[in-house]
Every structure is written in structure tokens, then in C-alpha cells.
Amino acid sequence: MSSAKLPRLDRKPFIALVDRANRALQVDMVREMHKRGHPKVKQAHNAVFGTLQSEGSRSADMAVRAGMTRQSMGELIREMVALGILEMRPDPEDGRAKLVTYSELGIRVATDGYLRLHDLEARFAEEFGPDEYAVARDVLARVADVLERWSDE
């Protein structure tokens, strides 16, 4: 077995920093949901909360937005329906399709999630200063835009 000499960066890769921040935010959201009385919420559910539009969404569209397979998104949705967080109803635009919507409980859970997001935004702005935090948000958005543009080349 050979030991290859791989090229290394002289600092932690940007992708590792973004991944660490993402995981920390996801864990924080679940911990906060548990504190707010929603102990059945788990980290995998963030993919649903982050892609379900308030008027309802098709699961296939949610899977694309989450960057996951339709099957995986379907499993999460079925689990959250069983927990009483989501409901499925016929899509008025396509009788063959179903729309995923929040149940009454789901609206409360999602509202608590949005309240936490508002709190985090305010705390980050306080921690880093509003200008520095605005720059951080702008840079992350621009990184995503640039990568999407490059993928089209």
C-alpha cells in the first residue's frame, strides 16, 4: 500500500467551514425545537422544513430543492405525516399529484422554527456587528451564485 502525497491547503478548506457552520445550525434548530416542546423533530426533518412552501409543495419539487432523492424526501414526508406535522392533499392543478402541507401542529412547529431563525439573525448581527454580518451573508450568497454559474459553463 502506497502513501500518496496529496496536495493540502495551508488552512481549513472553505467547504469544511461552510459544512461545519451548516451542521451547527441544523443541530441548533433541532435542539431549540425540543426545548420548545417538539421532541419528535429530528435533524433530517430540516430538509422538509427548508423546502416546504407555505401554500404547499409537491414532494418531487421539495426533493430537488433539498438536493436529495425523491424516495428519501418521500420517506421523510411520510414520517412527518405520521408525527402529525404534515398532511397530504390532492393537488388542485394535477389530480394525480399530492401537495404536502403543514398540519395545525406543523404550523406551530414551523412558526417556532422561524422564530428561532429570527432570533439567530439578530444574535449574529449583535455578535459580529450588522455590517460584518451583512457581508458574511452576501459572500455566502455570492459563492452559491458563482458555483451555479460555473456549473452552467
N, C-alpha and C. Protein backbone atom coordinates (compact mmCIF):
# COMPACT_ATOMS: atom_id res chain seq x y z
N MET A 1 0.85 -1.17 0.00
CA MET A 1 0.00 0.00 0.00
C MET A 1 0.89 1.23 0.00
N SER A 2 0.64 2.13 -0.94
CA SER A 2 1.46 3.33 -1.02
C SER A 2 0.81 4.48 -0.25
N SER A 3 1.64 5.36 0.19
CA SER A 3 1.12 6.55 0.86
C SER A 3 1.29 7.73 -0.09
N ALA A 4 0.19 8.14 -0.68
CA ALA A 4 0.23 9.22 -1.65
C ALA A 4 0.41 10.55 -0.95
N LYS A 5 1.14 11.40 -1.57
CA LYS A 5 1.33 12.76 -1.06
C LYS A 5 0.26 13.63 -1.72
N LEU A 6 -0.78 13.93 -0.97
CA LEU A 6 -1.88 14.71 -1.50
C LEU A 6 -1.62 16.20 -1.31
N PRO A 7 -2.07 16.99 -2.27
CA PRO A 7 -1.92 18.44 -2.09
C PRO A 7 -2.82 18.90 -0.93
N ARG A 8 -2.32 19.79 -0.13
CA ARG A 8 -3.07 20.30 1.02
C ARG A 8 -3.13 21.81 0.96
N LEU A 9 -4.19 22.34 1.51
CA LEU A 9 -4.28 23.79 1.66
C LEU A 9 -3.56 24.19 2.94
N ASP A 10 -3.16 25.43 3.01
CA ASP A 10 -2.47 25.89 4.22
C ASP A 10 -3.46 26.34 5.30
N ARG A 11 -4.72 26.14 5.05
CA ARG A 11 -5.77 26.47 6.02
C ARG A 11 -6.96 25.57 5.77
N LYS A 12 -7.90 25.60 6.70
CA LYS A 12 -9.10 24.76 6.58
C LYS A 12 -9.85 25.14 5.29
N PRO A 13 -10.23 24.16 4.48
CA PRO A 13 -10.94 24.48 3.24
C PRO A 13 -12.27 25.19 3.51
N PHE A 14 -12.61 26.09 2.62
CA PHE A 14 -13.85 26.86 2.73
C PHE A 14 -15.05 25.92 2.85
N ILE A 15 -15.05 24.85 2.06
CA ILE A 15 -16.16 23.90 2.09
C ILE A 15 -16.32 23.28 3.48
N ALA A 16 -15.20 23.03 4.17
CA ALA A 16 -15.25 22.46 5.51
C ALA A 16 -15.83 23.47 6.50
N LEU A 17 -15.49 24.75 6.34
CA LEU A 17 -16.05 25.78 7.21
C LEU A 17 -17.55 25.91 7.02
N VAL A 18 -17.99 25.92 5.77
CA VAL A 18 -19.42 26.03 5.47
C VAL A 18 -20.16 24.81 6.01
N ASP A 19 -19.58 23.63 5.81
CA ASP A 19 -20.20 22.40 6.30
C ASP A 19 -20.32 22.41 7.82
N ARG A 20 -19.28 22.83 8.51
CA ARG A 20 -19.32 22.89 9.97
C ARG A 20 -20.40 23.86 10.45
N ALA A 21 -20.47 25.02 9.82
CA ALA A 21 -21.50 26.01 10.19
C ALA A 21 -22.89 25.45 9.91
N ASN A 22 -23.07 24.80 8.78
CA ASN A 22 -24.37 24.21 8.43
C ASN A 22 -24.79 23.16 9.46
N ARG A 23 -23.87 22.28 9.80
CA ARG A 23 -24.21 21.24 10.79
C ARG A 23 -24.54 21.85 12.14
N ALA A 24 -23.78 22.86 12.56
CA ALA A 24 -24.04 23.51 13.84
C ALA A 24 -25.42 24.19 13.83
N LEU A 25 -25.77 24.83 12.73
CA LEU A 25 -27.09 25.46 12.63
C LEU A 25 -28.21 24.43 12.66
N GLN A 26 -28.02 23.33 11.96
CA GLN A 26 -29.05 22.28 11.93
C GLN A 26 -29.25 21.66 13.30
N VAL A 27 -28.15 21.40 14.00
CA VAL A 27 -28.23 20.85 15.35
C VAL A 27 -28.92 21.85 16.29
N ASP A 28 -28.57 23.13 16.15
CA ASP A 28 -29.19 24.16 16.97
C ASP A 28 -30.70 24.21 16.75
N MET A 29 -31.13 24.11 15.51
CA MET A 29 -32.57 24.16 15.22
C MET A 29 -33.30 23.00 15.90
N VAL A 30 -32.75 21.82 15.83
CA VAL A 30 -33.40 20.65 16.44
C VAL A 30 -33.41 20.79 17.96
N ARG A 31 -32.29 21.19 18.52
CA ARG A 31 -32.23 21.38 19.98
C ARG A 31 -33.27 22.41 20.43
N GLU A 32 -33.40 23.48 19.68
CA GLU A 32 -34.38 24.51 20.01
C GLU A 32 -35.82 23.99 19.88
N MET A 33 -36.08 23.18 18.87
CA MET A 33 -37.43 22.62 18.72
C MET A 33 -37.76 21.71 19.91
N HIS A 34 -36.78 20.96 20.37
CA HIS A 34 -37.01 20.11 21.54
C HIS A 34 -37.32 20.97 22.76
N LYS A 35 -36.57 22.07 22.94
CA LYS A 35 -36.82 22.97 24.07
C LYS A 35 -38.21 23.59 24.00
N ARG A 36 -38.69 23.82 22.77
CA ARG A 36 -39.99 24.46 22.59
C ARG A 36 -41.15 23.46 22.58
N GLY A 37 -40.86 22.23 22.98
CA GLY A 37 -41.93 21.25 23.13
C GLY A 37 -42.22 20.38 21.92
N HIS A 38 -41.25 20.25 21.03
CA HIS A 38 -41.42 19.42 19.84
C HIS A 38 -40.33 18.34 19.83
N PRO A 39 -40.41 17.37 20.76
CA PRO A 39 -39.32 16.40 20.93
C PRO A 39 -39.15 15.40 19.78
N LYS A 40 -40.13 15.28 18.91
CA LYS A 40 -40.04 14.31 17.81
C LYS A 40 -39.31 14.86 16.59
N VAL A 41 -39.06 16.16 16.55
CA VAL A 41 -38.35 16.76 15.42
C VAL A 41 -36.91 16.28 15.44
N LYS A 42 -36.41 15.91 14.27
CA LYS A 42 -35.02 15.47 14.18
C LYS A 42 -34.33 16.19 13.04
N GLN A 43 -33.03 16.07 13.00
CA GLN A 43 -32.22 16.82 12.05
C GLN A 43 -32.63 16.58 10.60
N ALA A 44 -32.95 15.36 10.25
CA ALA A 44 -33.34 15.06 8.87
C ALA A 44 -34.57 15.85 8.44
N HIS A 45 -35.41 16.22 9.39
CA HIS A 45 -36.63 16.98 9.06
C HIS A 45 -36.32 18.38 8.55
N ASN A 46 -35.11 18.88 8.82
CA ASN A 46 -34.74 20.21 8.33
C ASN A 46 -34.86 20.29 6.81
N ALA A 47 -34.63 19.18 6.11
CA ALA A 47 -34.75 19.18 4.65
C ALA A 47 -36.18 19.47 4.21
N VAL A 48 -37.13 19.03 5.00
CA VAL A 48 -38.54 19.30 4.69
C VAL A 48 -38.90 20.72 5.07
N PHE A 49 -38.55 21.13 6.29
CA PHE A 49 -38.87 22.49 6.73
C PHE A 49 -38.25 23.54 5.81
N GLY A 50 -37.08 23.26 5.29
CA GLY A 50 -36.38 24.22 4.45
C GLY A 50 -36.90 24.29 3.02
N THR A 51 -37.75 23.34 2.61
CA THR A 51 -38.19 23.30 1.22
C THR A 51 -39.71 23.35 1.05
N LEU A 52 -40.45 23.20 2.14
CA LEU A 52 -41.92 23.22 2.05
C LEU A 52 -42.42 24.65 2.03
N GLN A 53 -43.07 25.03 0.96
CA GLN A 53 -43.60 26.38 0.84
C GLN A 53 -44.92 26.49 1.61
N SER A 54 -45.25 27.67 2.07
CA SER A 54 -46.41 27.85 2.94
C SER A 54 -47.72 27.42 2.28
N GLU A 55 -47.83 27.56 0.96
CA GLU A 55 -49.07 27.16 0.27
C GLU A 55 -49.09 25.67 -0.06
N GLY A 56 -48.00 24.97 0.24
CA GLY A 56 -47.89 23.55 -0.05
C GLY A 56 -46.91 23.33 -1.19
N SER A 57 -46.37 22.13 -1.27
CA SER A 57 -45.39 21.79 -2.30
C SER A 57 -45.54 20.34 -2.68
N ARG A 58 -45.14 20.03 -3.89
CA ARG A 58 -45.06 18.63 -4.31
C ARG A 58 -43.75 18.06 -3.77
N SER A 59 -43.81 16.81 -3.37
CA SER A 59 -42.62 16.19 -2.77
C SER A 59 -41.45 16.13 -3.75
N ALA A 60 -41.73 15.93 -5.04
CA ALA A 60 -40.64 15.87 -6.03
C ALA A 60 -39.93 17.21 -6.12
N ASP A 61 -40.69 18.30 -6.06
CA ASP A 61 -40.08 19.63 -6.09
C ASP A 61 -39.26 19.88 -4.83
N MET A 62 -39.76 19.41 -3.70
CA MET A 62 -39.03 19.56 -2.44
C MET A 62 -37.71 18.79 -2.50
N ALA A 63 -37.74 17.61 -3.08
CA ALA A 63 -36.52 16.79 -3.18
C ALA A 63 -35.47 17.51 -4.01
N VAL A 64 -35.88 18.12 -5.12
CA VAL A 64 -34.93 18.85 -5.97
C VAL A 64 -34.33 20.01 -5.18
N ARG A 65 -35.18 20.79 -4.48
CA ARG A 65 -34.68 21.94 -3.71
C ARG A 65 -33.73 21.49 -2.59
N ALA A 66 -33.99 20.32 -2.02
CA ALA A 66 -33.14 19.82 -0.93
C ALA A 66 -31.90 19.10 -1.44
N GLY A 67 -31.85 18.80 -2.74
CA GLY A 67 -30.71 18.07 -3.28
C GLY A 67 -30.68 16.62 -2.84
N MET A 68 -31.85 16.01 -2.77
CA MET A 68 -31.92 14.62 -2.34
C MET A 68 -32.84 13.84 -3.28
N THR A 69 -32.86 12.53 -3.13
CA THR A 69 -33.71 11.71 -3.99
C THR A 69 -35.18 11.87 -3.61
N ARG A 70 -36.04 11.60 -4.58
CA ARG A 70 -37.48 11.65 -4.32
C ARG A 70 -37.86 10.62 -3.25
N GLN A 71 -37.21 9.46 -3.30
CA GLN A 71 -37.51 8.41 -2.34
C GLN A 71 -37.18 8.86 -0.91
N SER A 72 -36.01 9.49 -0.74
CA SER A 72 -35.61 9.94 0.59
C SER A 72 -36.55 11.03 1.10
N MET A 73 -36.91 11.96 0.23
CA MET A 73 -37.84 13.01 0.64
C MET A 73 -39.19 12.39 0.98
N GLY A 74 -39.63 11.43 0.18
CA GLY A 74 -40.90 10.75 0.46
C GLY A 74 -40.91 10.08 1.82
N GLU A 75 -39.80 9.44 2.18
CA GLU A 75 -39.71 8.80 3.50
C GLU A 75 -39.83 9.82 4.62
N LEU A 76 -39.14 10.94 4.47
CA LEU A 76 -39.23 11.99 5.49
C LEU A 76 -40.65 12.53 5.60
N ILE A 77 -41.28 12.76 4.47
CA ILE A 77 -42.65 13.28 4.48
C ILE A 77 -43.59 12.29 5.15
N ARG A 78 -43.49 11.01 4.80
CA ARG A 78 -44.36 10.00 5.42
C ARG A 78 -44.15 9.96 6.94
N GLU A 79 -42.89 10.06 7.36
CA GLU A 79 -42.59 10.07 8.79
C GLU A 79 -43.23 11.27 9.47
N MET A 80 -43.15 12.43 8.83
CA MET A 80 -43.69 13.65 9.44
C MET A 80 -45.22 13.68 9.38
N VAL A 81 -45.81 13.01 8.40
CA VAL A 81 -47.27 12.84 8.39
C VAL A 81 -47.68 11.98 9.57
N ALA A 82 -46.94 10.90 9.81
CA ALA A 82 -47.23 10.01 10.94
C ALA A 82 -47.09 10.74 12.28
N LEU A 83 -46.19 11.71 12.34
CA LEU A 83 -46.00 12.50 13.57
C LEU A 83 -47.05 13.60 13.71
N GLY A 84 -47.86 13.80 12.67
CA GLY A 84 -48.90 14.82 12.72
C GLY A 84 -48.42 16.21 12.35
N ILE A 85 -47.20 16.32 11.79
CA ILE A 85 -46.63 17.62 11.43
C ILE A 85 -47.06 18.04 10.03
N LEU A 86 -47.22 17.06 9.14
CA LEU A 86 -47.58 17.33 7.76
C LEU A 86 -48.88 16.63 7.39
N GLU A 87 -49.48 17.11 6.31
CA GLU A 87 -50.66 16.47 5.72
C GLU A 87 -50.43 16.38 4.22
N MET A 88 -51.11 15.44 3.59
CA MET A 88 -51.09 15.30 2.14
C MET A 88 -52.51 15.56 1.66
N ARG A 89 -52.61 16.35 0.57
CA ARG A 89 -53.93 16.60 0.00
C ARG A 89 -53.79 16.62 -1.52
N PRO A 90 -54.89 16.41 -2.23
CA PRO A 90 -54.81 16.43 -3.69
C PRO A 90 -54.34 17.79 -4.19
N ASP A 91 -53.53 17.76 -5.23
CA ASP A 91 -53.06 18.99 -5.87
C ASP A 91 -54.18 19.48 -6.79
N PRO A 92 -54.70 20.69 -6.55
CA PRO A 92 -55.80 21.18 -7.38
C PRO A 92 -55.42 21.37 -8.85
N GLU A 93 -54.11 21.49 -9.14
CA GLU A 93 -53.65 21.68 -10.52
C GLU A 93 -53.39 20.37 -11.25
N ASP A 94 -53.27 19.27 -10.50
CA ASP A 94 -52.98 17.97 -11.10
C ASP A 94 -53.58 16.90 -10.21
N GLY A 95 -54.69 16.33 -10.64
CA GLY A 95 -55.41 15.34 -9.83
C GLY A 95 -54.60 14.11 -9.48
N ARG A 96 -53.54 13.83 -10.24
CA ARG A 96 -52.71 12.66 -9.94
C ARG A 96 -51.70 12.93 -8.84
N ALA A 97 -51.40 14.21 -8.61
CA ALA A 97 -50.34 14.60 -7.67
C ALA A 97 -50.93 14.96 -6.30
N LYS A 98 -50.06 14.94 -5.32
CA LYS A 98 -50.43 15.34 -3.95
C LYS A 98 -49.59 16.55 -3.55
N LEU A 99 -50.19 17.39 -2.74
CA LEU A 99 -49.47 18.52 -2.16
C LEU A 99 -49.18 18.21 -0.70
N VAL A 100 -47.98 18.53 -0.30
CA VAL A 100 -47.58 18.41 1.10
C VAL A 100 -47.88 19.76 1.74
N THR A 101 -48.59 19.74 2.87
CA THR A 101 -48.90 20.97 3.60
C THR A 101 -48.65 20.73 5.09
N TYR A 102 -48.57 21.83 5.82
CA TYR A 102 -48.45 21.73 7.27
C TYR A 102 -49.81 21.42 7.88
N SER A 103 -49.81 20.58 8.91
CA SER A 103 -51.00 20.40 9.74
C SER A 103 -51.04 21.56 10.74
N GLU A 104 -52.03 21.60 11.58
CA GLU A 104 -52.08 22.64 12.62
C GLU A 104 -50.84 22.54 13.51
N LEU A 105 -50.48 21.30 13.91
CA LEU A 105 -49.27 21.11 14.71
C LEU A 105 -48.05 21.57 13.91
N GLY A 106 -48.01 21.21 12.64
CA GLY A 106 -46.88 21.59 11.80
C GLY A 106 -46.71 23.10 11.68
N ILE A 107 -47.82 23.81 11.65
CA ILE A 107 -47.76 25.28 11.60
C ILE A 107 -47.12 25.80 12.88
N ARG A 108 -47.46 25.21 14.01
CA ARG A 108 -46.85 25.63 15.28
C ARG A 108 -45.35 25.31 15.30
N VAL A 109 -44.99 24.13 14.82
CA VAL A 109 -43.57 23.74 14.79
C VAL A 109 -42.80 24.67 13.85
N ALA A 110 -43.34 24.89 12.65
CA ALA A 110 -42.66 25.76 11.68
C ALA A 110 -42.57 27.19 12.20
N THR A 111 -43.61 27.65 12.87
CA THR A 111 -43.57 29.00 13.44
C THR A 111 -42.47 29.10 14.48
N ASP A 112 -42.35 28.09 15.33
CA ASP A 112 -41.26 28.09 16.31
C ASP A 112 -39.90 28.08 15.63
N GLY A 113 -39.80 27.37 14.51
CA GLY A 113 -38.55 27.36 13.75
C GLY A 113 -38.22 28.73 13.19
N TYR A 114 -39.22 29.40 12.62
CA TYR A 114 -38.98 30.75 12.09
C TYR A 114 -38.64 31.73 13.20
N LEU A 115 -39.26 31.57 14.36
CA LEU A 115 -38.91 32.44 15.49
C LEU A 115 -37.44 32.24 15.86
N ARG A 116 -36.98 31.00 15.84
CA ARG A 116 -35.58 30.72 16.13
C ARG A 116 -34.67 31.34 15.07
N LEU A 117 -35.07 31.25 13.82
CA LEU A 117 -34.26 31.85 12.75
C LEU A 117 -34.16 33.36 12.93
N HIS A 118 -35.26 34.00 13.29
CA HIS A 118 -35.22 35.45 13.55
C HIS A 118 -34.29 35.76 14.72
N ASP A 119 -34.37 34.94 15.76
CA ASP A 119 -33.50 35.13 16.93
C ASP A 119 -32.03 34.97 16.54
N LEU A 120 -31.72 33.95 15.76
CA LEU A 120 -30.34 33.73 15.34
C LEU A 120 -29.83 34.89 14.49
N GLU A 121 -30.66 35.37 13.57
CA GLU A 121 -30.25 36.51 12.73
C GLU A 121 -29.88 37.70 13.61
N ALA A 122 -30.73 38.00 14.59
CA ALA A 122 -30.46 39.13 15.48
C ALA A 122 -29.20 38.90 16.31
N ARG A 123 -29.04 37.68 16.82
CA ARG A 123 -27.87 37.39 17.64
C ARG A 123 -26.57 37.44 16.84
N PHE A 124 -26.61 36.94 15.60
CA PHE A 124 -25.41 37.02 14.75
C PHE A 124 -25.06 38.48 14.44
N ALA A 125 -26.08 39.28 14.14
CA ALA A 125 -25.83 40.69 13.86
C ALA A 125 -25.24 41.39 15.08
N GLU A 126 -25.71 41.00 16.26
CA GLU A 126 -25.17 41.58 17.50
C GLU A 126 -23.74 41.09 17.75
N GLU A 127 -23.51 39.83 17.52
CA GLU A 127 -22.19 39.22 17.76
C GLU A 127 -21.12 39.78 16.83
N PHE A 128 -21.44 39.90 15.55
CA PHE A 128 -20.44 40.30 14.55
C PHE A 128 -20.56 41.76 14.14
N GLY A 129 -21.64 42.38 14.53
CA GLY A 129 -21.94 43.73 14.06
C GLY A 129 -22.78 43.61 12.80
N PRO A 130 -23.75 44.49 12.64
CA PRO A 130 -24.65 44.35 11.49
C PRO A 130 -23.95 44.42 10.14
N ASP A 131 -22.93 45.26 10.02
CA ASP A 131 -22.23 45.39 8.73
C ASP A 131 -21.45 44.13 8.39
N GLU A 132 -20.70 43.62 9.36
CA GLU A 132 -19.90 42.41 9.11
C GLU A 132 -20.80 41.21 8.84
N TYR A 133 -21.91 41.12 9.57
CA TYR A 133 -22.84 40.02 9.33
C TYR A 133 -23.47 40.14 7.95
N ALA A 134 -23.80 41.34 7.52
CA ALA A 134 -24.36 41.54 6.18
C ALA A 134 -23.36 41.10 5.11
N VAL A 135 -22.08 41.40 5.32
CA VAL A 135 -21.04 40.98 4.38
C VAL A 135 -20.96 39.45 4.34
N ALA A 136 -21.00 38.81 5.50
CA ALA A 136 -20.93 37.33 5.55
C ALA A 136 -22.10 36.72 4.77
N ARG A 137 -23.29 37.25 4.97
CA ARG A 137 -24.47 36.75 4.25
C ARG A 137 -24.30 36.96 2.74
N ASP A 138 -23.82 38.14 2.37
CA ASP A 138 -23.64 38.46 0.96
C ASP A 138 -22.61 37.54 0.32
N VAL A 139 -21.50 37.32 1.00
CA VAL A 139 -20.45 36.46 0.45
C VAL A 139 -20.96 35.04 0.25
N LEU A 140 -21.67 34.50 1.22
CA LEU A 140 -22.20 33.14 1.07
C LEU A 140 -23.18 33.05 -0.11
N ALA A 141 -24.04 34.04 -0.24
CA ALA A 141 -24.98 34.04 -1.36
C ALA A 141 -24.23 34.12 -2.69
N ARG A 142 -23.20 34.95 -2.73
CA ARG A 142 -22.43 35.11 -3.97
C ARG A 142 -21.64 33.84 -4.29
N VAL A 143 -21.12 33.15 -3.29
CA VAL A 143 -20.41 31.90 -3.53
C VAL A 143 -21.35 30.91 -4.22
N ALA A 144 -22.57 30.79 -3.70
CA ALA A 144 -23.55 29.88 -4.31
C ALA A 144 -23.86 30.31 -5.74
N ASP A 145 -24.04 31.61 -5.96
CA ASP A 145 -24.32 32.11 -7.31
C ASP A 145 -23.18 31.79 -8.27
N VAL A 146 -21.95 32.02 -7.83
CA VAL A 146 -20.79 31.76 -8.68
C VAL A 146 -20.68 30.28 -9.02
N LEU A 147 -20.85 29.42 -8.03
CA LEU A 147 -20.76 27.99 -8.28
C LEU A 147 -21.85 27.53 -9.25
N GLU A 148 -23.05 28.08 -9.10
CA GLU A 148 -24.13 27.73 -10.04
C GLU A 148 -23.79 28.22 -11.45
N ARG A 149 -23.25 29.42 -11.54
CA ARG A 149 -22.87 29.94 -12.85
C ARG A 149 -21.77 29.08 -13.48
N TRP A 150 -20.77 28.72 -12.68
CA TRP A 150 -19.69 27.88 -13.20
C TRP A 150 -20.18 26.52 -13.63
N SER A 151 -21.18 25.99 -12.95
CA SER A 151 -21.69 24.66 -13.32
C SER A 151 -22.41 24.70 -14.67
N ASP A 152 -22.85 25.88 -15.09
CA ASP A 152 -23.52 26.03 -16.39
C ASP A 152 -22.54 26.19 -17.54
N GLU A 153 -21.25 26.40 -17.23
CA GLU A 153 -20.25 26.62 -18.28
C GLU A 153 -19.88 25.33 -18.99
